[in-house]
């Protein structure tokens, strides 16, 4: 019988760190309110359909809010909520870890080739 190990961090990783989700959130955290096209310019390698999906997921999770402006033409902006901003210290810690340890990881990978 196979026993599944429960890792307490797993639910958070599944919510915040699927492909492109953290990058979209980071763009909004660092740039402020952005329109869809502006997010796409920040992340030029993401497909529009994937960006749409990730924006909808981040909104459903409560990390960002979609603001619709009934103008002519209509305008939509996305902004980070307080819940989304609560992830900023974690992202900052990951950046600090990356600056300290990513060269070590890359060196280890190059030795294995």
PDB file of N, CA and C in Angstrom:
ATOM      1  N   UNK A   1       0.842  -1.180   0.000  1.00  0.00           N
ATOM      2  CA  UNK A   1       0.000   0.000   0.000  1.00  0.00           C
ATOM      3  C   UNK A   1       0.889   1.244   0.000  1.00  0.00           C
ATOM      4  N   UNK A   2       0.568   2.181  -0.906  1.00  0.00           N
ATOM      5  CA  UNK A   2       1.333   3.413  -1.016  1.00  0.00           C
ATOM      6  C   UNK A   2       0.741   4.463  -0.076  1.00  0.00           C
ATOM      7  N   UNK A   3       1.590   5.067   0.748  1.00  0.00           N
ATOM      8  CA  UNK A   3       1.159   6.085   1.698  1.00  0.00           C
ATOM      9  C   UNK A   3       1.511   7.444   1.117  1.00  0.00           C
ATOM     10  N   UNK A   4       0.521   8.312   1.018  1.00  0.00           N
ATOM     11  CA  UNK A   4       0.744   9.655   0.506  1.00  0.00           C
ATOM     12  C   UNK A   4       1.233  10.544   1.644  1.00  0.00           C
ATOM     13  N   UNK A   5       2.340  11.216   1.415  1.00  0.00           N
ATOM     14  CA  UNK A   5       2.905  12.123   2.412  1.00  0.00           C
ATOM     15  C   UNK A   5       2.250  13.489   2.231  1.00  0.00           C
ATOM     16  N   UNK A   6       1.722  14.021   3.299  1.00  0.00           N
ATOM     17  CA  UNK A   6       1.111  15.341   3.266  1.00  0.00           C
ATOM     18  C   UNK A   6       2.174  16.403   3.550  1.00  0.00           C
ATOM     19  N   UNK A   7       2.346  17.298   2.619  1.00  0.00           N
ATOM     20  CA  UNK A   7       3.310  18.376   2.777  1.00  0.00           C
ATOM     21  C   UNK A   7       2.519  19.666   3.000  1.00  0.00           C
ATOM     22  N   UNK A   8       2.666  20.303   4.164  1.00  0.00           N
ATOM     23  CA  UNK A   8       1.848  21.470   4.487  1.00  0.00           C
ATOM     24  C   UNK A   8       1.979  22.614   3.481  1.00  0.00           C
ATOM     25  N   UNK A   9       3.104  22.717   2.821  1.00  0.00           N
ATOM     26  CA  UNK A   9       3.342  23.799   1.870  1.00  0.00           C
ATOM     27  C   UNK A   9       2.654  23.561   0.524  1.00  0.00           C
ATOM     28  N   UNK A  10       2.290  22.327   0.230  1.00  0.00           N
ATOM     29  CA  UNK A  10       1.757  21.951  -1.084  1.00  0.00           C
ATOM     30  C   UNK A  10       0.539  22.771  -1.520  1.00  0.00           C
ATOM     31  N   UNK A  11      -0.468  22.984  -0.680  1.00  0.00           N
ATOM     32  CA  UNK A  11      -1.624  23.759  -1.151  1.00  0.00           C
ATOM     33  C   UNK A  11      -1.258  25.177  -1.580  1.00  0.00           C
ATOM     34  N   UNK A  12      -0.355  25.804  -0.853  1.00  0.00           N
ATOM     35  CA  UNK A  12       0.054  27.171  -1.196  1.00  0.00           C
ATOM     36  C   UNK A  12       0.827  27.181  -2.508  1.00  0.00           C
ATOM     37  N   UNK A  13       1.718  26.221  -2.679  1.00  0.00           N
ATOM     38  CA  UNK A  13       2.488  26.131  -3.921  1.00  0.00           C
ATOM     39  C   UNK A  13       1.545  25.916  -5.096  1.00  0.00           C
ATOM     40  N   UNK A  14       0.546  25.066  -4.933  1.00  0.00           N
ATOM     41  CA  UNK A  14      -0.421  24.805  -5.999  1.00  0.00           C
ATOM     42  C   UNK A  14      -1.262  26.030  -6.330  1.00  0.00           C
ATOM     43  N   UNK A  15      -1.517  26.890  -5.362  1.00  0.00           N
ATOM     44  CA  UNK A  15      -2.322  28.091  -5.584  1.00  0.00           C
ATOM     45  C   UNK A  15      -1.492  29.218  -6.197  1.00  0.00           C
ATOM     46  N   UNK A  16      -0.309  29.463  -5.665  1.00  0.00           N
ATOM     47  CA  UNK A  16       0.471  30.649  -6.028  1.00  0.00           C
ATOM     48  C   UNK A  16       1.477  30.402  -7.150  1.00  0.00           C
ATOM     49  N   UNK A  17       1.997  29.190  -7.274  1.00  0.00           N
ATOM     50  CA  UNK A  17       3.139  29.000  -8.147  1.00  0.00           C
ATOM     51  C   UNK A  17       2.932  28.146  -9.399  1.00  0.00           C
ATOM     52  N   UNK A  18       1.702  27.950  -9.872  1.00  0.00           N
ATOM     53  CA  UNK A  18       1.596  27.308 -11.181  1.00  0.00           C
ATOM     54  C   UNK A  18       2.234  28.213 -12.240  1.00  0.00           C
ATOM     55  N   UNK A  19       2.600  27.624 -13.366  1.00  0.00           N
ATOM     56  CA  UNK A  19       3.270  28.377 -14.434  1.00  0.00           C
ATOM     57  C   UNK A  19       2.551  29.692 -14.713  1.00  0.00           C
ATOM     58  N   UNK A  20       3.270  30.778 -14.642  1.00  0.00           N
ATOM     59  CA  UNK A  20       2.874  32.153 -14.965  1.00  0.00           C
ATOM     60  C   UNK A  20       2.077  32.869 -13.884  1.00  0.00           C
ATOM     61  N   UNK A  21       1.534  32.164 -12.925  1.00  0.00           N
ATOM     62  CA  UNK A  21       0.693  32.837 -11.933  1.00  0.00           C
ATOM     63  C   UNK A  21       1.503  33.817 -11.075  1.00  0.00           C
ATOM     64  N   UNK A  22       2.644  33.373 -10.586  1.00  0.00           N
ATOM     65  CA  UNK A  22       3.482  34.251  -9.765  1.00  0.00           C
ATOM     66  C   UNK A  22       4.024  35.409 -10.588  1.00  0.00           C
ATOM     67  N   UNK A  23       4.326  35.168 -11.869  1.00  0.00           N
ATOM     68  CA  UNK A  23       4.849  36.237 -12.716  1.00  0.00           C
ATOM     69  C   UNK A  23       3.805  37.329 -12.947  1.00  0.00           C
ATOM     70  N   UNK A  24       2.552  36.932 -13.156  1.00  0.00           N
ATOM     71  CA  UNK A  24       1.473  37.912 -13.322  1.00  0.00           C
ATOM     72  C   UNK A  24       1.316  38.710 -12.029  1.00  0.00           C
ATOM     73  N   UNK A  25       1.298  38.015 -10.921  1.00  0.00           N
ATOM     74  CA  UNK A  25       1.158  38.690  -9.629  1.00  0.00           C
ATOM     75  C   UNK A  25       2.339  39.621  -9.374  1.00  0.00           C
ATOM     76  N   UNK A  26       3.549  39.164  -9.699  1.00  0.00           N
ATOM     77  CA  UNK A  26       4.739  39.996  -9.506  1.00  0.00           C
ATOM     78  C   UNK A  26       4.658  41.265 -10.360  1.00  0.00           C
ATOM     79  N   UNK A  27       4.224  41.140 -11.607  1.00  0.00           N
ATOM     80  CA  UNK A  27       4.087  42.317 -12.481  1.00  0.00           C
ATOM     81  C   UNK A  27       3.151  43.340 -11.852  1.00  0.00           C
ATOM     82  N   UNK A  28       2.044  42.872 -11.304  1.00  0.00           N
ATOM     83  CA  UNK A  28       1.098  43.792 -10.675  1.00  0.00           C
ATOM     84  C   UNK A  28       1.630  44.342  -9.356  1.00  0.00           C
ATOM     85  N   UNK A  29       2.351  43.528  -8.604  1.00  0.00           N
ATOM     86  CA  UNK A  29       2.935  44.007  -7.345  1.00  0.00           C
ATOM     87  C   UNK A  29       3.974  45.095  -7.591  1.00  0.00           C
ATOM     88  N   UNK A  30       4.755  44.936  -8.639  1.00  0.00           N
ATOM     89  CA  UNK A  30       5.857  45.873  -8.872  1.00  0.00           C
ATOM     90  C   UNK A  30       5.467  47.069  -9.734  1.00  0.00           C
ATOM     91  N   UNK A  31       4.476  46.915 -10.589  1.00  0.00           N
ATOM     92  CA  UNK A  31       4.085  47.991 -11.497  1.00  0.00           C
ATOM     93  C   UNK A  31       2.795  48.691 -11.102  1.00  0.00           C
ATOM     94  N   UNK A  32       2.031  48.105 -10.197  1.00  0.00           N
ATOM     95  CA  UNK A  32       0.760  48.707  -9.812  1.00  0.00           C
ATOM     96  C   UNK A  32      -0.351  48.293 -10.772  1.00  0.00           C
ATOM     97  N   UNK A  33      -1.400  49.115 -10.841  1.00  0.00           N
ATOM     98  CA  UNK A  33      -2.549  48.824 -11.713  1.00  0.00           C
ATOM     99  C   UNK A  33      -2.091  48.684 -13.158  1.00  0.00           C
ATOM    100  N   UNK A  34      -2.556  47.613 -13.801  1.00  0.00           N
ATOM    101  CA  UNK A  34      -2.199  47.398 -15.202  1.00  0.00           C
ATOM    102  C   UNK A  34      -3.415  46.927 -15.986  1.00  0.00           C
ATOM    103  N   UNK A  35      -3.446  47.298 -17.250  1.00  0.00           N
ATOM    104  CA  UNK A  35      -4.440  46.757 -18.175  1.00  0.00           C
ATOM    105  C   UNK A  35      -3.912  45.429 -18.702  1.00  0.00           C
ATOM    106  N   UNK A  36      -4.798  44.654 -19.303  1.00  0.00           N
ATOM    107  CA  UNK A  36      -4.426  43.338 -19.795  1.00  0.00           C
ATOM    108  C   UNK A  36      -3.226  43.415 -20.744  1.00  0.00           C
ATOM    109  N   UNK A  37      -3.267  44.342 -21.686  1.00  0.00           N
ATOM    110  CA  UNK A  37      -2.177  44.495 -22.650  1.00  0.00           C
ATOM    111  C   UNK A  37      -0.862  44.873 -21.997  1.00  0.00           C
ATOM    112  N   UNK A  38      -0.934  45.644 -20.921  1.00  0.00           N
ATOM    113  CA  UNK A  38       0.284  46.022 -20.206  1.00  0.00           C
ATOM    114  C   UNK A  38       0.897  44.816 -19.494  1.00  0.00           C
ATOM    115  N   UNK A  39       0.037  43.963 -18.932  1.00  0.00           N
ATOM    116  CA  UNK A  39       0.549  42.732 -18.308  1.00  0.00           C
ATOM    117  C   UNK A  39       1.206  41.878 -19.386  1.00  0.00           C
ATOM    118  N   UNK A  40       0.555  41.770 -20.532  1.00  0.00           N
ATOM    119  CA  UNK A  40       1.100  40.969 -21.634  1.00  0.00           C
ATOM    120  C   UNK A  40       2.457  41.505 -22.074  1.00  0.00           C
ATOM    121  N   UNK A  41       2.639  42.814 -22.100  1.00  0.00           N
ATOM    122  CA  UNK A  41       3.944  43.390 -22.471  1.00  0.00           C
ATOM    123  C   UNK A  41       5.009  43.113 -21.416  1.00  0.00           C
ATOM    124  N   UNK A  42       4.597  43.035 -20.158  1.00  0.00           N
ATOM    125  CA  UNK A  42       5.528  42.695 -19.083  1.00  0.00           C
ATOM    126  C   UNK A  42       5.995  41.238 -19.190  1.00  0.00           C
ATOM    127  N   UNK A  43       5.134  40.392 -19.733  1.00  0.00           N
ATOM    128  CA  UNK A  43       5.403  38.951 -19.828  1.00  0.00           C
ATOM    129  C   UNK A  43       5.230  38.514 -21.288  1.00  0.00           C
ATOM    130  N   UNK A  44       6.159  38.897 -22.160  1.00  0.00           N
ATOM    131  CA  UNK A  44       5.955  38.671 -23.600  1.00  0.00           C
ATOM    132  C   UNK A  44       5.898  37.209 -24.024  1.00  0.00           C
ATOM    133  N   UNK A  45       6.373  36.284 -23.209  1.00  0.00           N
ATOM    134  CA  UNK A  45       6.371  34.870 -23.594  1.00  0.00           C
ATOM    135  C   UNK A  45       5.071  34.139 -23.248  1.00  0.00           C
ATOM    136  N   UNK A  46       4.177  34.781 -22.507  1.00  0.00           N
ATOM    137  CA  UNK A  46       2.925  34.127 -22.128  1.00  0.00           C
ATOM    138  C   UNK A  46       1.903  34.271 -23.261  1.00  0.00           C
ATOM    139  N   UNK A  47       1.218  33.186 -23.565  1.00  0.00           N
ATOM    140  CA  UNK A  47       0.163  33.217 -24.581  1.00  0.00           C
ATOM    141  C   UNK A  47      -1.043  33.970 -24.024  1.00  0.00           C
ATOM    142  N   UNK A  48      -1.751  34.720 -24.867  1.00  0.00           N
ATOM    143  CA  UNK A  48      -2.924  35.461 -24.383  1.00  0.00           C
ATOM    144  C   UNK A  48      -3.954  34.578 -23.677  1.00  0.00           C
ATOM    145  N   UNK A  49      -4.162  33.368 -24.179  1.00  0.00           N
ATOM    146  CA  UNK A  49      -5.135  32.478 -23.530  1.00  0.00           C
ATOM    147  C   UNK A  49      -4.675  32.074 -22.136  1.00  0.00           C
ATOM    148  N   UNK A  50      -3.372  31.844 -21.957  1.00  0.00           N
ATOM    149  CA  UNK A  50      -2.843  31.501 -20.640  1.00  0.00           C
ATOM    150  C   UNK A  50      -2.920  32.707 -19.707  1.00  0.00           C
ATOM    151  N   UNK A  51      -2.615  33.896 -20.222  1.00  0.00           N
ATOM    152  CA  UNK A  51      -2.715  35.101 -19.402  1.00  0.00           C
ATOM    153  C   UNK A  51      -4.154  35.294 -18.936  1.00  0.00           C
ATOM    154  N   UNK A  52      -5.107  35.107 -19.830  1.00  0.00           N
ATOM    155  CA  UNK A  52      -6.520  35.213 -19.460  1.00  0.00           C
ATOM    156  C   UNK A  52      -6.862  34.234 -18.342  1.00  0.00           C
ATOM    157  N   UNK A  53      -6.412  32.991 -18.498  1.00  0.00           N
ATOM    158  CA  UNK A  53      -6.677  31.967 -17.485  1.00  0.00           C
ATOM    159  C   UNK A  53      -6.073  32.354 -16.144  1.00  0.00           C
ATOM    160  N   UNK A  54      -4.810  32.759 -16.142  1.00  0.00           N
ATOM    161  CA  UNK A  54      -4.134  33.078 -14.882  1.00  0.00           C
ATOM    162  C   UNK A  54      -4.747  34.307 -14.210  1.00  0.00           C
ATOM    163  N   UNK A  55      -5.120  35.303 -14.985  1.00  0.00           N
ATOM    164  CA  UNK A  55      -5.755  36.497 -14.413  1.00  0.00           C
ATOM    165  C   UNK A  55      -7.077  36.101 -13.755  1.00  0.00           C
ATOM    166  N   UNK A  56      -7.848  35.266 -14.431  1.00  0.00           N
ATOM    167  CA  UNK A  56      -9.126  34.815 -13.858  1.00  0.00           C
ATOM    168  C   UNK A  56      -8.904  34.013 -12.579  1.00  0.00           C
ATOM    169  N   UNK A  57      -7.885  33.153 -12.568  1.00  0.00           N
ATOM    170  CA  UNK A  57      -7.585  32.361 -11.368  1.00  0.00           C
ATOM    171  C   UNK A  57      -7.141  33.264 -10.219  1.00  0.00           C
ATOM    172  N   UNK A  58      -6.271  34.225 -10.509  1.00  0.00           N
ATOM    173  CA  UNK A  58      -5.808  35.139  -9.453  1.00  0.00           C
ATOM    174  C   UNK A  58      -6.964  35.953  -8.893  1.00  0.00           C
ATOM    175  N   UNK A  59      -7.897  36.337  -9.763  1.00  0.00           N
ATOM    176  CA  UNK A  59      -9.072  37.068  -9.303  1.00  0.00           C
ATOM    177  C   UNK A  59      -9.966  36.158  -8.451  1.00  0.00           C
ATOM    178  N   UNK A  60     -10.188  34.928  -8.895  1.00  0.00           N
ATOM    179  CA  UNK A  60     -11.018  33.981  -8.142  1.00  0.00           C
ATOM    180  C   UNK A  60     -10.403  33.657  -6.787  1.00  0.00           C
ATOM    181  N   UNK A  61      -9.072  33.610  -6.721  1.00  0.00           N
ATOM    182  CA  UNK A  61      -8.371  33.327  -5.464  1.00  0.00           C
ATOM    183  C   UNK A  61      -8.348  34.527  -4.520  1.00  0.00           C
ATOM    184  N   UNK A  62      -8.707  35.697  -5.026  1.00  0.00           N
ATOM    185  CA  UNK A  62      -8.727  36.892  -4.191  1.00  0.00           C
ATOM    186  C   UNK A  62      -7.420  37.663  -4.162  1.00  0.00           C
ATOM    187  N   UNK A  63      -6.462  37.316  -5.048  1.00  0.00           N
ATOM    188  CA  UNK A  63      -5.163  37.997  -5.056  1.00  0.00           C
ATOM    189  C   UNK A  63      -5.178  39.285  -5.868  1.00  0.00           C
ATOM    190  N   UNK A  64      -6.063  39.351  -6.874  1.00  0.00           N
ATOM    191  CA  UNK A  64      -6.184  40.577  -7.662  1.00  0.00           C
ATOM    192  C   UNK A  64      -7.652  40.919  -7.826  1.00  0.00           C
ATOM    193  N   UNK A  65      -7.899  42.149  -8.204  1.00  0.00           N
ATOM    194  CA  UNK A  65      -9.259  42.614  -8.458  1.00  0.00           C
ATOM    195  C   UNK A  65      -9.295  43.201  -9.863  1.00  0.00           C
ATOM    196  N   UNK A  66     -10.399  42.967 -10.533  1.00  0.00           N
ATOM    197  CA  UNK A  66     -10.632  43.494 -11.880  1.00  0.00           C
ATOM    198  C   UNK A  66     -11.517  44.721 -11.734  1.00  0.00           C
ATOM    199  N   UNK A  67     -11.036  45.857 -12.228  1.00  0.00           N
ATOM    200  CA  UNK A  67     -11.803  47.095 -12.159  1.00  0.00           C
ATOM    201  C   UNK A  67     -12.260  47.474 -13.569  1.00  0.00           C
ATOM    202  N   UNK A  68     -13.574  47.543 -13.753  1.00  0.00           N
ATOM    203  CA  UNK A  68     -14.162  47.898 -15.040  1.00  0.00           C
ATOM    204  C   UNK A  68     -14.583  49.354 -14.993  1.00  0.00           C
ATOM    205  N   UNK A  69     -14.173  50.109 -16.007  1.00  0.00           N
ATOM    206  CA  UNK A  69     -14.525  51.519 -16.107  1.00  0.00           C
ATOM    207  C   UNK A  69     -15.438  51.695 -17.321  1.00  0.00           C
ATOM    208  N   UNK A  70     -16.680  52.107 -17.081  1.00  0.00           N
ATOM    209  CA  UNK A  70     -17.673  52.266 -18.144  1.00  0.00           C
ATOM    210  C   UNK A  70     -17.421  53.570 -18.881  1.00  0.00           C
ATOM    211  N   UNK A  71     -16.366  53.560 -19.673  1.00  0.00           N
ATOM    212  CA  UNK A  71     -15.992  54.723 -20.477  1.00  0.00           C
ATOM    213  C   UNK A  71     -16.193  54.356 -21.938  1.00  0.00           C
ATOM    214  N   UNK A  72     -15.897  55.279 -22.796  1.00  0.00           N
ATOM    215  CA  UNK A  72     -15.930  54.982 -24.219  1.00  0.00           C
ATOM    216  C   UNK A  72     -14.553  55.226 -24.798  1.00  0.00           C
ATOM    217  N   UNK A  73     -13.801  54.200 -25.152  1.00  0.00           N
ATOM    218  CA  UNK A  73     -14.126  52.776 -25.040  1.00  0.00           C
ATOM    219  C   UNK A  73     -13.971  52.297 -23.596  1.00  0.00           C
ATOM    220  N   UNK A  74     -14.624  51.181 -23.258  1.00  0.00           N
ATOM    221  CA  UNK A  74     -14.502  50.645 -21.895  1.00  0.00           C
ATOM    222  C   UNK A  74     -13.045  50.315 -21.571  1.00  0.00           C
ATOM    223  N   UNK A  75     -12.734  50.428 -20.286  1.00  0.00           N
ATOM    224  CA  UNK A  75     -11.367  50.155 -19.828  1.00  0.00           C
ATOM    225  C   UNK A  75     -11.438  49.205 -18.649  1.00  0.00           C
ATOM    226  N   UNK A  76     -10.494  48.246 -18.622  1.00  0.00           N
ATOM    227  CA  UNK A  76     -10.391  47.295 -17.513  1.00  0.00           C
ATOM    228  C   UNK A  76      -8.963  47.347 -16.993  1.00  0.00           C
ATOM    229  N   UNK A  77      -8.834  47.464 -15.684  1.00  0.00           N
ATOM    230  CA  UNK A  77      -7.523  47.420 -15.039  1.00  0.00           C
ATOM    231  C   UNK A  77      -7.532  46.346 -13.964  1.00  0.00           C
ATOM    232  N   UNK A  78      -6.351  45.806 -13.719  1.00  0.00           N
ATOM    233  CA  UNK A  78      -6.184  44.795 -12.672  1.00  0.00           C
ATOM    234  C   UNK A  78      -5.255  45.366 -11.606  1.00  0.00           C
ATOM    235  N   UNK A  79      -5.573  45.080 -10.365  1.00  0.00           N
ATOM    236  CA  UNK A  79      -4.765  45.570  -9.247  1.00  0.00           C
ATOM    237  C   UNK A  79      -4.673  44.478  -8.184  1.00  0.00           C
ATOM    238  N   UNK A  80      -3.634  44.548  -7.388  1.00  0.00           N
ATOM    239  CA  UNK A  80      -3.411  43.576  -6.326  1.00  0.00           C
ATOM    240  C   UNK A  80      -4.269  43.949  -5.116  1.00  0.00           C
ATOM    241  N   UNK A  81      -4.866  42.950  -4.504  1.00  0.00           N
ATOM    242  CA  UNK A  81      -5.647  43.143  -3.281  1.00  0.00           C
ATOM    243  C   UNK A  81      -4.707  43.088  -2.068  1.00  0.00           C
ATOM    244  N   UNK A  82      -5.257  43.338  -0.895  1.00  0.00           N
ATOM    245  CA  UNK A  82      -4.466  43.201   0.332  1.00  0.00           C
ATOM    246  C   UNK A  82      -3.948  41.767   0.479  1.00  0.00           C
ATOM    247  N   UNK A  83      -4.775  40.796   0.118  1.00  0.00           N
ATOM    248  CA  UNK A  83      -4.340  39.399   0.187  1.00  0.00           C
ATOM    249  C   UNK A  83      -3.149  39.169  -0.746  1.00  0.00           C
ATOM    250  N   UNK A  84      -3.215  39.702  -1.945  1.00  0.00           N
ATOM    251  CA  UNK A  84      -2.101  39.580  -2.884  1.00  0.00           C
ATOM    252  C   UNK A  84      -0.853  40.273  -2.372  1.00  0.00           C
ATOM    253  N   UNK A  85      -1.028  41.469  -1.793  1.00  0.00           N
ATOM    254  CA  UNK A  85       0.122  42.205  -1.241  1.00  0.00           C
ATOM    255  C   UNK A  85       0.764  41.460  -0.075  1.00  0.00           C
ATOM    256  N   UNK A  86      -0.007  40.625   0.602  1.00  0.00           N
ATOM    257  CA  UNK A  86       0.559  39.872   1.727  1.00  0.00           C
ATOM    258  C   UNK A  86       1.616  38.866   1.256  1.00  0.00           C
ATOM    259  N   UNK A  87       1.648  38.561  -0.041  1.00  0.00           N
ATOM    260  CA  UNK A  87       2.665  37.657  -0.586  1.00  0.00           C
ATOM    261  C   UNK A  87       3.981  38.367  -0.905  1.00  0.00           C
ATOM    262  N   UNK A  88       3.987  39.681  -0.927  1.00  0.00           N
ATOM    263  CA  UNK A  88       5.190  40.440  -1.312  1.00  0.00           C
ATOM    264  C   UNK A  88       6.400  40.093  -0.444  1.00  0.00           C
ATOM    265  N   UNK A  89       6.296  40.000   0.885  1.00  0.00           N
ATOM    266  CA  UNK A  89       7.469  39.614   1.683  1.00  0.00           C
ATOM    267  C   UNK A  89       7.996  38.224   1.326  1.00  0.00           C
ATOM    268  N   UNK A  90       7.087  37.323   0.978  1.00  0.00           N
ATOM    269  CA  UNK A  90       7.518  35.978   0.580  1.00  0.00           C
ATOM    270  C   UNK A  90       8.276  36.049  -0.738  1.00  0.00           C
ATOM    271  N   UNK A  91       7.758  36.825  -1.678  1.00  0.00           N
ATOM    272  CA  UNK A  91       8.454  37.005  -2.956  1.00  0.00           C
ATOM    273  C   UNK A  91       9.813  37.667  -2.728  1.00  0.00           C
ATOM    274  N   UNK A  92       9.862  38.646  -1.839  1.00  0.00           N
ATOM    275  CA  UNK A  92      11.139  39.314  -1.539  1.00  0.00           C
ATOM    276  C   UNK A  92      12.146  38.322  -0.955  1.00  0.00           C
ATOM    277  N   UNK A  93      11.670  37.444  -0.067  1.00  0.00           N
ATOM    278  CA  UNK A  93      12.554  36.415   0.499  1.00  0.00           C
ATOM    279  C   UNK A  93      13.055  35.466  -0.586  1.00  0.00           C
ATOM    280  N   UNK A  94      12.179  35.092  -1.522  1.00  0.00           N
ATOM    281  CA  UNK A  94      12.598  34.224  -2.624  1.00  0.00           C
ATOM    282  C   UNK A  94      13.637  34.915  -3.506  1.00  0.00           C
ATOM    283  N   UNK A  95      13.471  36.218  -3.728  1.00  0.00           N
ATOM    284  CA  UNK A  95      14.467  36.974  -4.503  1.00  0.00           C
ATOM    285  C   UNK A  95      15.811  37.003  -3.790  1.00  0.00           C
ATOM    286  N   UNK A  96      15.795  37.226  -2.493  1.00  0.00           N
ATOM    287  CA  UNK A  96      17.034  37.243  -1.716  1.00  0.00           C
ATOM    288  C   UNK A  96      17.704  35.873  -1.742  1.00  0.00           C
ATOM    289  N   UNK A  97      16.899  34.822  -1.585  1.00  0.00           N
ATOM    290  CA  UNK A  97      17.449  33.463  -1.642  1.00  0.00           C
ATOM    291  C   UNK A  97      18.061  33.212  -3.011  1.00  0.00           C
ATOM    292  N   UNK A  98      17.357  33.641  -4.041  1.00  0.00           N
ATOM    293  CA  UNK A  98      17.847  33.455  -5.410  1.00  0.00           C
ATOM    294  C   UNK A  98      19.181  34.162  -5.627  1.00  0.00           C
ATOM    295  N   UNK A  99      19.290  35.379  -5.153  1.00  0.00           N
ATOM    296  CA  UNK A  99      20.552  36.126  -5.311  1.00  0.00           C
ATOM    297  C   UNK A  99      21.703  35.417  -4.605  1.00  0.00           C
ATOM    298  N   UNK A 100      21.416  34.826  -3.453  1.00  0.00           N
ATOM    299  CA  UNK A 100      22.466  34.140  -2.689  1.00  0.00           C
ATOM    300  C   UNK A 100      22.788  32.742  -3.220  1.00  0.00           C
ATOM    301  N   UNK A 101      21.779  32.010  -3.676  1.00  0.00           N
ATOM    302  CA  UNK A 101      21.970  30.577  -3.928  1.00  0.00           C
ATOM    303  C   UNK A 101      21.812  30.117  -5.374  1.00  0.00           C
ATOM    304  N   UNK A 102      21.217  30.928  -6.231  1.00  0.00           N
ATOM    305  CA  UNK A 102      21.026  30.485  -7.609  1.00  0.00           C
ATOM    306  C   UNK A 102      22.344  30.176  -8.317  1.00  0.00           C
ATOM    307  N   UNK A 103      23.405  30.967  -8.118  1.00  0.00           N
ATOM    308  CA  UNK A 103      24.682  30.590  -8.741  1.00  0.00           C
ATOM    309  C   UNK A 103      25.171  29.201  -8.298  1.00  0.00           C
ATOM    310  N   UNK A 104      24.940  28.868  -7.051  1.00  0.00           N
ATOM    311  CA  UNK A 104      25.323  27.550  -6.531  1.00  0.00           C
ATOM    312  C   UNK A 104      24.521  26.441  -7.218  1.00  0.00           C
ATOM    313  N   UNK A 105      23.226  26.676  -7.403  1.00  0.00           N
ATOM    314  CA  UNK A 105      22.374  25.696  -8.086  1.00  0.00           C
ATOM    315  C   UNK A 105      22.836  25.530  -9.531  1.00  0.00           C
ATOM    316  N   UNK A 106      23.091  26.643 -10.201  1.00  0.00           N
ATOM    317  CA  UNK A 106      23.538  26.587 -11.591  1.00  0.00           C
ATOM    318  C   UNK A 106      24.885  25.882 -11.718  1.00  0.00           C
ATOM    319  N   UNK A 107      25.795  26.124 -10.774  1.00  0.00           N
ATOM    320  CA  UNK A 107      27.095  25.441 -10.783  1.00  0.00           C
ATOM    321  C   UNK A 107      26.903  23.946 -10.594  1.00  0.00           C
ATOM    322  N   UNK A 108      26.029  23.564  -9.698  1.00  0.00           N
ATOM    323  CA  UNK A 108      25.766  22.147  -9.460  1.00  0.00           C
ATOM    324  C   UNK A 108      25.181  21.495 -10.716  1.00  0.00           C
ATOM    325  N   UNK A 109      24.282  22.184 -11.374  1.00  0.00           N
ATOM    326  CA  UNK A 109      23.688  21.654 -12.603  1.00  0.00           C
ATOM    327  C   UNK A 109      24.734  21.496 -13.703  1.00  0.00           C
ATOM    328  N   UNK A 110      25.609  22.467 -13.807  1.00  0.00           N
ATOM    329  CA  UNK A 110      26.624  22.389 -14.870  1.00  0.00           C
ATOM    330  C   UNK A 110      27.611  21.256 -14.625  1.00  0.00           C
ATOM    331  N   UNK A 111      27.875  20.912 -13.378  1.00  0.00           N
ATOM    332  CA  UNK A 111      28.765  19.798 -13.053  1.00  0.00           C
ATOM    333  C   UNK A 111      28.158  18.452 -13.441  1.00  0.00           C
ATOM    334  N   UNK A 112      26.835  18.382 -13.484  1.00  0.00           N
ATOM    335  CA  UNK A 112      26.140  17.128 -13.790  1.00  0.00           C
ATOM    336  C   UNK A 112      26.056  16.870 -15.284  1.00  0.00           C
ATOM    337  N   UNK A 113      26.336  17.869 -16.094  1.00  0.00           N
ATOM    338  CA  UNK A 113      26.217  17.704 -17.560  1.00  0.00           C
ATOM    339  C   UNK A 113      27.361  16.924 -18.123  1.00  0.00           C
TER     340      UNK A 113
END
